[in-house]
C-alpha atoms as a PDB file:
ATOM      1  CA  MET A   1      -0.089   0.306   0.115  1.00  0.00           C
ATOM      2  CA  PHE A   2       2.811   2.615  -0.862  1.00  0.00           C
ATOM      3  CA  GLY A   3       4.085   2.898   3.041  1.00  0.00           C
ATOM      4  CA  PHE A   4       1.881   5.902   3.674  1.00  0.00           C
ATOM      5  CA  VAL A   5       0.233   4.317   6.425  1.00  0.00           C
ATOM      6  CA  GLN A   6       2.308   4.886   9.290  1.00  0.00           C
ATOM      7  CA  VAL A   7       2.229   6.334  13.044  1.00  0.00           C
ATOM      8  CA  ALA A   8       3.445   9.767  13.802  1.00  0.00           C
ATOM      9  CA  PRO A   9       5.691   8.910  16.267  1.00  0.00           C
ATOM     10  CA  SER A  10       5.827  12.402  17.659  1.00  0.00           C
ATOM     11  CA  SER A  11       2.051  12.230  18.933  1.00  0.00           C
ATOM     12  CA  LEU A  12       2.571   9.290  20.806  1.00  0.00           C
ATOM     13  CA  ALA A  13       3.944   7.907  23.915  1.00  0.00           C
ATOM     14  CA  ASP A  14       6.633   5.644  25.119  1.00  0.00           C
ATOM     15  CA  GLU A  15       4.446   2.874  25.836  1.00  0.00           C
ATOM     16  CA  GLU A  16       2.321   3.467  22.664  1.00  0.00           C
ATOM     17  CA  LYS A  17       5.598   3.626  20.374  1.00  0.00           C
ATOM     18  CA  ASP A  18       6.488  -0.152  22.372  1.00  0.00           C
ATOM     19  CA  ARG A  19       3.343  -1.537  21.309  1.00  0.00           C
ATOM     20  CA  TYR A  20       3.619  -0.667  18.048  1.00  0.00           C
ATOM     21  CA  HIS A  21       6.663  -2.066  17.279  1.00  0.00           C
ATOM     22  CA  GLU A  22       5.278  -4.862  19.080  1.00  0.00           C
ATOM     23  CA  VAL A  23       2.744  -5.663  16.403  1.00  0.00           C
ATOM     24  CA  TYR A  24       5.162  -4.428  13.453  1.00  0.00           C
ATOM     25  CA  CYS A  25       7.775  -7.070  14.910  1.00  0.00           C
ATOM     26  CA  GLY A  26       4.863  -9.407  15.495  1.00  0.00           C
ATOM     27  CA  LEU A  27       4.607  -9.180  11.479  1.00  0.00           C
ATOM     28  CA  CYS A  28       8.234  -9.327  10.667  1.00  0.00           C
ATOM     29  CA  HIS A  29       7.987 -12.480  12.572  1.00  0.00           C
ATOM     30  CA  ALA A  30       5.277 -14.409  11.074  1.00  0.00           C
ATOM     31  CA  LEU A  31       6.444 -13.390   7.522  1.00  0.00           C
ATOM     32  CA  LYS A  32       9.739 -15.752   8.574  1.00  0.00           C
ATOM     33  CA  ARG A  33       8.080 -18.259   9.945  1.00  0.00           C
ATOM     34  CA  ARG A  34       5.478 -18.733   7.096  1.00  0.00           C
ATOM     35  CA  TYR A  35       7.726 -17.564   4.000  1.00  0.00           C
ATOM     36  CA  GLY A  36      11.651 -17.675   5.314  1.00  0.00           C
ATOM     37  CA  GLN A  37      14.109 -14.808   6.193  1.00  0.00           C
ATOM     38  CA  LEU A  38      14.285 -12.982   2.699  1.00  0.00           C
ATOM     39  CA  SER A  39      10.080 -12.375   2.948  1.00  0.00           C
ATOM     40  CA  ARG A  40      11.390  -9.836   5.432  1.00  0.00           C
ATOM     41  CA  PHE A  41      11.962  -7.591   2.735  1.00  0.00           C
ATOM     42  CA  THR A  42       8.294  -7.387   2.082  1.00  0.00           C
ATOM     43  CA  LEU A  43       7.341  -5.678   5.924  1.00  0.00           C
ATOM     44  CA  THR A  44       5.565  -2.679   5.538  1.00  0.00           C
ATOM     45  CA  TYR A  45       4.126  -0.294   8.442  1.00  0.00           C
ATOM     46  CA  ASP A  46       0.546  -0.129   6.248  1.00  0.00           C
ATOM     47  CA  LEU A  47      -0.131  -3.721   6.684  1.00  0.00           C
ATOM     48  CA  THR A  48       0.926  -3.106  10.550  1.00  0.00           C
ATOM     49  CA  PHE A  49      -1.957  -0.691  10.876  1.00  0.00           C
ATOM     50  CA  TYR A  50      -4.267  -3.507   9.470  1.00  0.00           C
ATOM     51  CA  VAL A  51      -3.614  -5.854  12.128  1.00  0.00           C
ATOM     52  CA  MET A  52      -3.887  -3.144  14.935  1.00  0.00           C
ATOM     53  CA  LEU A  53      -7.318  -2.338  13.690  1.00  0.00           C
ATOM     54  CA  CYS A  54      -8.504  -5.802  13.100  1.00  0.00           C
ATOM     55  CA  ASN A  55      -6.937  -6.727  16.634  1.00  0.00           C
ATOM     56  CA  SER A  56      -8.390  -4.016  17.673  1.00  0.00           C
ATOM     57  CA  LEU A  57     -11.983  -4.923  16.603  1.00  0.00           C
ATOM     58  CA  GLU A  58     -11.855  -8.618  17.110  1.00  0.00           C
ATOM     59  CA  GLU A  59      -9.858  -8.861  20.443  1.00  0.00           C
ATOM     60  CA  PRO A  60      -7.970 -12.491  18.580  1.00  0.00           C
ATOM     61  CA  LEU A  61      -5.893 -14.125  21.163  1.00  0.00           C
ATOM     62  CA  GLU A  62      -2.540 -12.593  20.513  1.00  0.00           C
ATOM     63  CA  ASN A  63       0.948 -14.686  20.920  1.00  0.00           C
ATOM     64  CA  ARG A  64       3.448 -12.701  22.714  1.00  0.00           C
ATOM     65  CA  GLY A  65       7.176 -13.575  22.661  1.00  0.00           C
ATOM     66  CA  ARG A  66      10.929 -12.096  22.607  1.00  0.00           C
ATOM     67  CA  SER A  67      13.695 -12.932  19.442  1.00  0.00           C
ATOM     68  CA  TYR A  68      16.420 -11.978  17.904  1.00  0.00           C
ATOM     69  CA  CYS A  69      16.443 -10.665  14.538  1.00  0.00           C
ATOM     70  CA  VAL A  70      18.790  -9.311  11.471  1.00  0.00           C
ATOM     71  CA  ALA A  71      17.554  -5.848  12.359  1.00  0.00           C
ATOM     72  CA  HIS A  72      18.421  -6.012  16.240  1.00  0.00           C
ATOM     73  CA  PRO A  73      21.065  -9.351  16.583  1.00  0.00           C
ATOM     74  CA  GLY A  74      21.692  -8.447  20.284  1.00  0.00           C
ATOM     75  CA  LYS A  75      18.755  -7.632  21.607  1.00  0.00           C
ATOM     76  CA  ARG A  76      15.440  -9.638  21.981  1.00  0.00           C
ATOM     77  CA  MET A  77      12.540  -8.255  20.100  1.00  0.00           C
ATOM     78  CA  ALA A  78       9.059  -8.143  21.752  1.00  0.00           C
ATOM     79  CA  HIS A  79       6.626  -9.473  19.324  1.00  0.00           C
ATOM     80  CA  ALA A  80       2.653  -9.978  18.938  1.00  0.00           C
ATOM     81  CA  GLU A  81       1.209 -12.212  16.617  1.00  0.00           C
ATOM     82  CA  SER A  82      -2.605 -12.998  15.973  1.00  0.00           C
ATOM     83  CA  ARG A  83      -4.258 -14.468  13.204  1.00  0.00           C
ATOM     84  CA  PHE A  84      -4.391 -11.635  11.330  1.00  0.00           C
ATOM     85  CA  THR A  85      -0.884 -11.255  11.608  1.00  0.00           C
ATOM     86  CA  ASP A  86      -0.953 -14.475   9.843  1.00  0.00           C
ATOM     87  CA  TYR A  87      -3.087 -13.086   7.091  1.00  0.00           C
ATOM     88  CA  ALA A  88      -0.982  -9.822   6.836  1.00  0.00           C
ATOM     89  CA  ALA A  89       1.878 -12.019   6.324  1.00  0.00           C
ATOM     90  CA  ASP A  90       0.312 -13.724   3.361  1.00  0.00           C
ATOM     91  CA  LEU A  91      -0.852 -10.374   1.781  1.00  0.00           C
ATOM     92  CA  SER A  92       2.416  -8.702   2.324  1.00  0.00           C
ATOM     93  CA  VAL A  93       4.299 -11.633   0.029  1.00  0.00           C
ATOM     94  CA  ALA A  94       1.357 -11.241  -2.702  1.00  0.00           C
ATOM     95  CA  LEU A  95       1.593  -7.096  -3.116  1.00  0.00           C
ATOM     96  CA  ALA A  96       5.407  -6.949  -2.857  1.00  0.00           C
ATOM     97  CA  TYR A  97       5.428  -9.828  -5.560  1.00  0.00           C
ATOM     98  CA  HIS A  98       2.866  -7.861  -7.739  1.00  0.00           C
ATOM     99  CA  LYS A  99       4.581  -4.530  -7.144  1.00  0.00           C
ATOM    100  CA  MET A 100       7.993  -5.863  -8.197  1.00  0.00           C
ATOM    101  CA  ALA A 101       6.024  -7.402 -11.167  1.00  0.00           C
ATOM    102  CA  ASP A 102       4.872  -4.037 -12.346  1.00  0.00           C
ATOM    103  CA  ASP A 103       8.344  -2.069 -11.818  1.00  0.00           C
ATOM    104  CA  TRP A 104       9.361  -4.776 -14.218  1.00  0.00           C
ATOM    105  CA  ASN A 105       6.539  -4.348 -16.818  1.00  0.00           C
ATOM    106  CA  ASP A 106       6.744  -0.678 -16.686  1.00  0.00           C
ATOM    107  CA  ASP A 107      10.378  -0.155 -16.458  1.00  0.00           C
ATOM    108  CA  ARG A 108      12.110  -3.033 -16.672  1.00  0.00           C
ATOM    109  CA  LYS A 109      14.363  -2.742 -13.467  1.00  0.00           C
ATOM    110  CA  PRO A 110      16.212  -5.411 -13.103  1.00  0.00           C
ATOM    111  CA  SER A 111      16.403  -5.176  -9.382  1.00  0.00           C
ATOM    112  CA  ALA A 112      12.446  -5.740  -9.613  1.00  0.00           C
ATOM    113  CA  ARG A 113      13.131  -8.634 -12.120  1.00  0.00           C
ATOM    114  CA  VAL A 114      15.390 -10.283  -9.383  1.00  0.00           C
ATOM    115  CA  ALA A 115      13.000  -9.567  -6.617  1.00  0.00           C
ATOM    116  CA  MET A 116      10.325 -11.380  -8.485  1.00  0.00           C
ATOM    117  CA  ALA A 117      12.727 -14.317  -8.719  1.00  0.00           C
ATOM    118  CA  ALA A 118      13.185 -14.298  -5.023  1.00  0.00           C
ATOM    119  CA  LEU A 119       9.512 -14.272  -4.273  1.00  0.00           C
ATOM    120  CA  GLU A 120       8.124 -16.747  -6.544  1.00  0.00           C
ATOM    121  CA  LYS A 121       8.100 -19.489  -4.389  1.00  0.00           C
ATOM    122  CA  ALA A 122       6.225 -17.457  -1.560  1.00  0.00           C
ATOM    123  CA  TYR A 123       4.281 -16.148  -3.787  1.00  0.00           C
ATOM    124  CA  ALA A 124       3.107 -19.441  -4.427  1.00  0.00           C
ATOM    125  CA  ARG A 125       2.640 -20.454  -0.887  1.00  0.00           C
ATOM    126  CA  ALA A 126       0.660 -17.491  -0.357  1.00  0.00           C
ATOM    127  CA  ARG A 127      -1.570 -17.887  -3.449  1.00  0.00           C
ATOM    128  CA  THR A 128      -2.377 -20.789  -1.571  1.00  0.00           C
ATOM    129  CA  ASN A 129      -3.118 -19.634   1.866  1.00  0.00           C
ATOM    130  CA  ILE A 130      -5.535 -16.869   0.245  1.00  0.00           C
ATOM    131  CA  PRO A 131      -6.118 -17.839  -3.147  1.00  0.00           C
ATOM    132  CA  GLU A 132      -9.555 -15.215  -3.728  1.00  0.00           C
ATOM    133  CA  GLU A 133      -7.511 -12.293  -2.292  1.00  0.00           C
ATOM    134  CA  CYS A 134      -4.568 -13.040  -4.901  1.00  0.00           C
ATOM    135  CA  ASP A 135      -7.251 -13.099  -7.881  1.00  0.00           C
ATOM    136  CA  ALA A 136      -8.727 -10.290  -6.279  1.00  0.00           C
ATOM    137  CA  ILE A 137      -4.558  -8.346  -6.311  1.00  0.00           C
ATOM    138  CA  GLU A 138      -4.390 -10.009  -9.867  1.00  0.00           C
ATOM    139  CA  LYS A 139      -7.655  -8.712 -11.601  1.00  0.00           C
ATOM    140  CA  SER A 140      -7.689  -5.072  -9.662  1.00  0.00           C
ATOM    141  CA  LEU A 141      -3.995  -4.589 -10.768  1.00  0.00           C
ATOM    142  CA  ALA A 142      -4.502  -5.675 -13.875  1.00  0.00           C
ATOM    143  CA  ALA A 143      -7.336  -3.513 -14.535  1.00  0.00           C
ATOM    144  CA  ILE A 144      -5.425  -0.697 -13.190  1.00  0.00           C
ATOM    145  CA  SER A 145      -2.797  -0.781 -15.683  1.00  0.00           C
ATOM    146  CA  ARG A 146      -5.371  -0.640 -18.078  1.00  0.00           C
ATOM    147  CA  ILE A 147      -7.111   2.116 -16.987  1.00  0.00           C
ATOM    148  CA  GLU A 148      -3.662   4.288 -16.844  1.00  0.00           C
ATOM    149  CA  ARG A 149      -2.766   3.347 -20.200  1.00  0.00           C
ATOM    150  CA  ASP A 150      -6.241   4.533 -21.606  1.00  0.00           C
ATOM    151  CA  PRO A 151      -6.400   8.125 -22.619  1.00  0.00           C
ATOM    152  CA  GLU A 152     -10.263   8.124 -22.033  1.00  0.00           C
ATOM    153  CA  ALA A 153     -10.178   7.180 -18.118  1.00  0.00           C
ATOM    154  CA  LEU A 154     -11.516   9.486 -15.957  1.00  0.00           C
ATOM    155  CA  PRO A 155      -8.564  10.506 -13.578  1.00  0.00           C
ATOM    156  CA  ASP A 156     -10.560   8.363 -10.466  1.00  0.00           C
ATOM    157  CA  ASP A 157     -11.278   5.357 -12.168  1.00  0.00           C
ATOM    158  CA  ALA A 158      -7.723   3.856 -10.998  1.00  0.00           C
ATOM    159  CA  ALA A 159      -8.453   5.297  -7.537  1.00  0.00           C
ATOM    160  CA  ILE A 160     -11.808   3.507  -7.384  1.00  0.00           C
ATOM    161  CA  GLU A 161     -10.241  -0.032  -8.671  1.00  0.00           C
ATOM    162  CA  PHE A 162      -7.375   0.498  -5.927  1.00  0.00           C
ATOM    163  CA  GLY A 163     -10.226   1.079  -3.709  1.00  0.00           C
ATOM    164  CA  LYS A 164     -12.583  -1.724  -4.227  1.00  0.00           C
ATOM    165  CA  LEU A 165      -9.200  -4.334  -4.120  1.00  0.00           C
ATOM    166  CA  MET A 166      -8.165  -2.291  -0.404  1.00  0.00           C
ATOM    167  CA  GLY A 167     -12.111  -2.932   0.184  1.00  0.00           C
ATOM    168  CA  ILE A 168     -11.695  -6.905  -0.161  1.00  0.00           C
ATOM    169  CA  ILE A 169      -8.499  -7.007   1.721  1.00  0.00           C
ATOM    170  CA  PHE A 170     -10.237  -5.404   4.762  1.00  0.00           C
ATOM    171  CA  ALA A 171     -13.019  -7.229   4.906  1.00  0.00           C
ATOM    172  CA  TRP A 172     -11.095 -10.780   5.290  1.00  0.00           C
ATOM    173  CA  GLY A 173     -12.038 -12.582   8.290  1.00  0.00           C
ATOM    174  CA  GLN A 174     -14.829  -9.920   9.506  1.00  0.00           C
ATOM    175  CA  ASP A 175     -18.052 -11.092  10.572  1.00  0.00           C
ATOM    176  CA  VAL A 176     -20.676  -8.504  12.247  1.00  0.00           C
ATOM    177  CA  TRP A 177     -18.372  -5.592  11.053  1.00  0.00           C
ATOM    178  CA  GLU A 178     -17.848  -6.954   7.517  1.00  0.00           C
ATOM    179  CA  PRO A 179     -19.380  -3.790   5.520  1.00  0.00           C
ATOM    180  CA  GLN A 180     -17.763  -1.152   7.428  1.00  0.00           C
ATOM    181  CA  MET A 181     -14.514  -2.942   7.231  1.00  0.00           C
ATOM    182  CA  ARG A 182     -15.194  -3.466   3.251  1.00  0.00           C
ATOM    183  CA  GLU A 183     -16.283   0.417   3.688  1.00  0.00           C
ATOM    184  CA  PHE A 184     -13.448   1.722   5.467  1.00  0.00           C
ATOM    185  CA  GLY A 185     -10.799  -0.168   3.205  1.00  0.00           C
ATOM    186  CA  THR A 186     -12.502   1.150   0.258  1.00  0.00           C
ATOM    187  CA  HIS A 187     -11.934   4.648   1.408  1.00  0.00           C
ATOM    188  CA  LEU A 188      -8.558   3.962   2.523  1.00  0.00           C
ATOM    189  CA  GLY A 189      -7.603   2.938  -0.871  1.00  0.00           C
ATOM    190  CA  ARG A 190      -8.678   5.846  -2.932  1.00  0.00           C
ATOM    191  CA  PHE A 191      -6.734   8.050  -0.374  1.00  0.00           C
ATOM    192  CA  VAL A 192      -3.597   6.151  -0.726  1.00  0.00           C
ATOM    193  CA  TYR A 193      -3.725   5.870  -4.392  1.00  0.00           C
ATOM    194  CA  PHE A 194      -4.071   9.578  -4.694  1.00  0.00           C
ATOM    195  CA  MET A 195      -1.480  10.284  -2.070  1.00  0.00           C
ATOM    196  CA  ASP A 196       1.018   8.188  -4.383  1.00  0.00           C
ATOM    197  CA  ALA A 197       0.153  10.238  -7.161  1.00  0.00           C
ATOM    198  CA  ALA A 198       0.619  13.531  -5.635  1.00  0.00           C
ATOM    199  CA  VAL A 199       3.942  12.379  -4.396  1.00  0.00           C
ATOM    200  CA  ASP A 200       4.910  11.494  -7.376  1.00  0.00           C
ATOM    201  CA  TYR A 201       3.129  13.952  -9.460  1.00  0.00           C
ATOM    202  CA  GLU A 202       6.535  16.018 -10.246  1.00  0.00           C
ATOM    203  CA  ASP A 203       8.906  12.720 -10.936  1.00  0.00           C
ATOM    204  CA  ASP A 204       5.585  11.907 -13.176  1.00  0.00           C
ATOM    205  CA  ALA A 205       5.409  15.208 -15.187  1.00  0.00           C
ATOM    206  CA  GLU A 206       9.019  14.931 -15.934  1.00  0.00           C
ATOM    207  CA  SER A 207       9.081  11.220 -17.203  1.00  0.00           C
ATOM    208  CA  GLY A 208       5.631  11.279 -18.927  1.00  0.00           C
ATOM    209  CA  SER A 209       4.269   8.926 -16.892  1.00  0.00           C
ATOM    210  CA  TYR A 210       0.499   8.220 -15.814  1.00  0.00           C
ATOM    211  CA  ASN A 211      -0.715  10.369 -13.266  1.00  0.00           C
ATOM    212  CA  PRO A 212      -4.133  11.345 -12.269  1.00  0.00           C
ATOM    213  CA  PHE A 213      -3.565  14.809 -11.171  1.00  0.00           C
ATOM    214  CA  ARG A 214      -2.143  15.292 -14.606  1.00  0.00           C
ATOM    215  CA  ASP A 215      -5.982  16.277 -15.478  1.00  0.00           C
ATOM    216  CA  MET A 216      -6.859  17.623 -12.011  1.00  0.00           C
ATOM    217  CA  ASP A 217      -5.995  20.653  -9.725  1.00  0.00           C
ATOM    218  CA  SER A 218      -2.383  19.426  -9.172  1.00  0.00           C
ATOM    219  CA  SER A 219      -1.428  22.627  -6.985  1.00  0.00           C
ATOM    220  CA  PRO A 220      -0.148  21.605  -3.279  1.00  0.00           C
ATOM    221  CA  ALA A 221      -3.206  23.153  -2.082  1.00  0.00           C
ATOM    222  CA  GLY A 222      -5.542  21.378  -4.407  1.00  0.00           C
ATOM    223  CA  MET A 223      -3.837  18.111  -3.950  1.00  0.00           C
ATOM    224  CA  ARG A 224      -4.492  18.858  -0.385  1.00  0.00           C
ATOM    225  CA  THR A 225      -8.167  19.563  -0.369  1.00  0.00           C
ATOM    226  CA  LEU A 226      -8.803  16.514  -2.297  1.00  0.00           C
ATOM    227  CA  LEU A 227      -6.748  13.849  -0.063  1.00  0.00           C
ATOM    228  CA  SER A 228      -8.612  15.574   2.801  1.00  0.00           C
ATOM    229  CA  ALA A 229     -12.047  14.373   1.600  1.00  0.00           C
ATOM    230  CA  LEU A 230     -10.918  11.471   0.751  1.00  0.00           C
ATOM    231  CA  MET A 231      -9.397  10.447   4.284  1.00  0.00           C
ATOM    232  CA  GLY A 232     -12.399  12.277   5.796  1.00  0.00           C
ATOM    233  CA  SER A 233     -14.469   9.517   4.245  1.00  0.00           C
ATOM    234  CA  ALA A 234     -12.321   7.183   5.700  1.00  0.00           C
ATOM    235  CA  THR A 235     -12.072   8.364   9.123  1.00  0.00           C
ATOM    236  CA  ALA A 236     -15.801   9.000   9.404  1.00  0.00           C
ATOM    237  CA  VAL A 237     -16.303   5.270   9.220  1.00  0.00           C
ATOM    238  CA  PHE A 238     -13.502   4.393  11.793  1.00  0.00           C
ATOM    239  CA  GLU A 239     -14.745   6.575  14.011  1.00  0.00           C
ATOM    240  CA  LYS A 240     -18.002   4.247  13.967  1.00  0.00           C
ATOM    241  CA  LEU A 241     -16.171   1.130  14.669  1.00  0.00           C
ATOM    242  CA  PRO A 242     -16.391   0.132  18.372  1.00  0.00           C
ATOM    243  CA  LEU A 243     -12.795   0.094  19.186  1.00  0.00           C
ATOM    244  CA  GLU A 244     -11.006   0.996  22.268  1.00  0.00           C
ATOM    245  CA  GLN A 245      -7.120  -1.161  21.948  1.00  0.00           C
ATOM    246  CA  ASP A 246      -4.621   0.789  20.502  1.00  0.00           C
ATOM    247  CA  LEU A 247      -7.130   3.706  19.546  1.00  0.00           C
ATOM    248  CA  HIS A 248      -4.899   6.701  20.227  1.00  0.00           C
ATOM    249  CA  LEU A 249      -2.587   5.142  18.050  1.00  0.00           C
ATOM    250  CA  MET A 250      -4.119   4.355  15.070  1.00  0.00           C
ATOM    251  CA  ARG A 251      -5.458   7.698  15.435  1.00  0.00           C
ATOM    252  CA  SER A 252      -2.060   9.101  15.444  1.00  0.00           C
ATOM    253  CA  VAL A 253      -1.979   7.113  11.894  1.00  0.00           C
ATOM    254  CA  LEU A 254      -5.037   8.296  10.273  1.00  0.00           C
ATOM    255  CA  TYR A 255      -4.902  11.632  11.123  1.00  0.00           C
ATOM    256  CA  SER A 256      -0.927  12.577  11.399  1.00  0.00           C
ATOM    257  CA  GLY A 257       1.030   9.803   9.923  1.00  0.00           C
ATOM    258  CA  VAL A 258      -0.430   9.192   6.724  1.00  0.00           C
ATOM    259  CA  TRP A 259       0.205  12.924   5.837  1.00  0.00           C
ATOM    260  CA  GLN A 260       4.224  12.609   6.411  1.00  0.00           C
ATOM    261  CA  LYS A 261       5.399  11.989   3.113  1.00  0.00           C
ATOM    262  CA  PHE A 262       2.919  14.595   1.695  1.00  0.00           C
ATOM    263  CA  ASN A 263       4.435  17.438   4.268  1.00  0.00           C
ATOM    264  CA  GLU A 264       7.908  16.462   3.446  1.00  0.00           C
ATOM    265  CA  LYS A 265       7.302  16.839  -0.490  1.00  0.00           C
ATOM    266  CA  TYR A 266       4.892  19.976  -0.224  1.00  0.00           C
ATOM    267  CA  PRO A 267       6.051  21.603   3.201  1.00  0.00           C
ATOM    268  CA  ARG A 268       4.540  25.027   2.087  1.00  0.00           C
ATOM    269  CA  ALA A 269       0.858  23.188   1.204  1.00  0.00           C
ATOM    270  CA  GLU A 270       0.411  22.857   5.370  1.00  0.00           C
END
């Protein structure tokens, strides 16, 4: 999901930072357990937020522990895992594989081809674990690729498609709250797609690559206005969910963390 759905550390107490790292390390630990050491490079903040949200909403059993890892060889790191962590590990591999495939198909990046080869067996396993979600990822990303090549496509078409995909991903494993989680994922997905386009706008304009802001208000203020409306739709759904655990931490992500890259790129638009 492009790495935008991340925490804003300055807004958190020390114990909240520890909790965030516990869930983040849990996802890293699950990746190694399910897919081996190399899969850890697919680790993202975005899916850490997803795990935290599902754990707060569904309150599944969390398995906690401490272990050493490559990033922290001299210290045993706390980690927390649930059934949603395992699903997020499967998703991490699937999304990373298709991101590398997209980079290879679009730009013929040798590094992307190498990463695809490294993830090939892991992706085959992920496809066995979450076949419906992998089908959705493949179909949605293919549709987005067609939209981005279509000169008649509307600026919002690809974002809508990506939002549908995120809705499917967020709805997994839900029961009572399935409609709300699907709706939240849909709004968040549209925001993420446009946020990625906003941050990449100058580079895309220079290279001639597709960018939906090409046919919209591409000023920093205009982009912020659209992005604020999209995030407002997502947070409106989020605030109606019966969340207590890690609520302040998750609000730090949605109200501050998601804007960090935009603010770095366009500091005068704040």
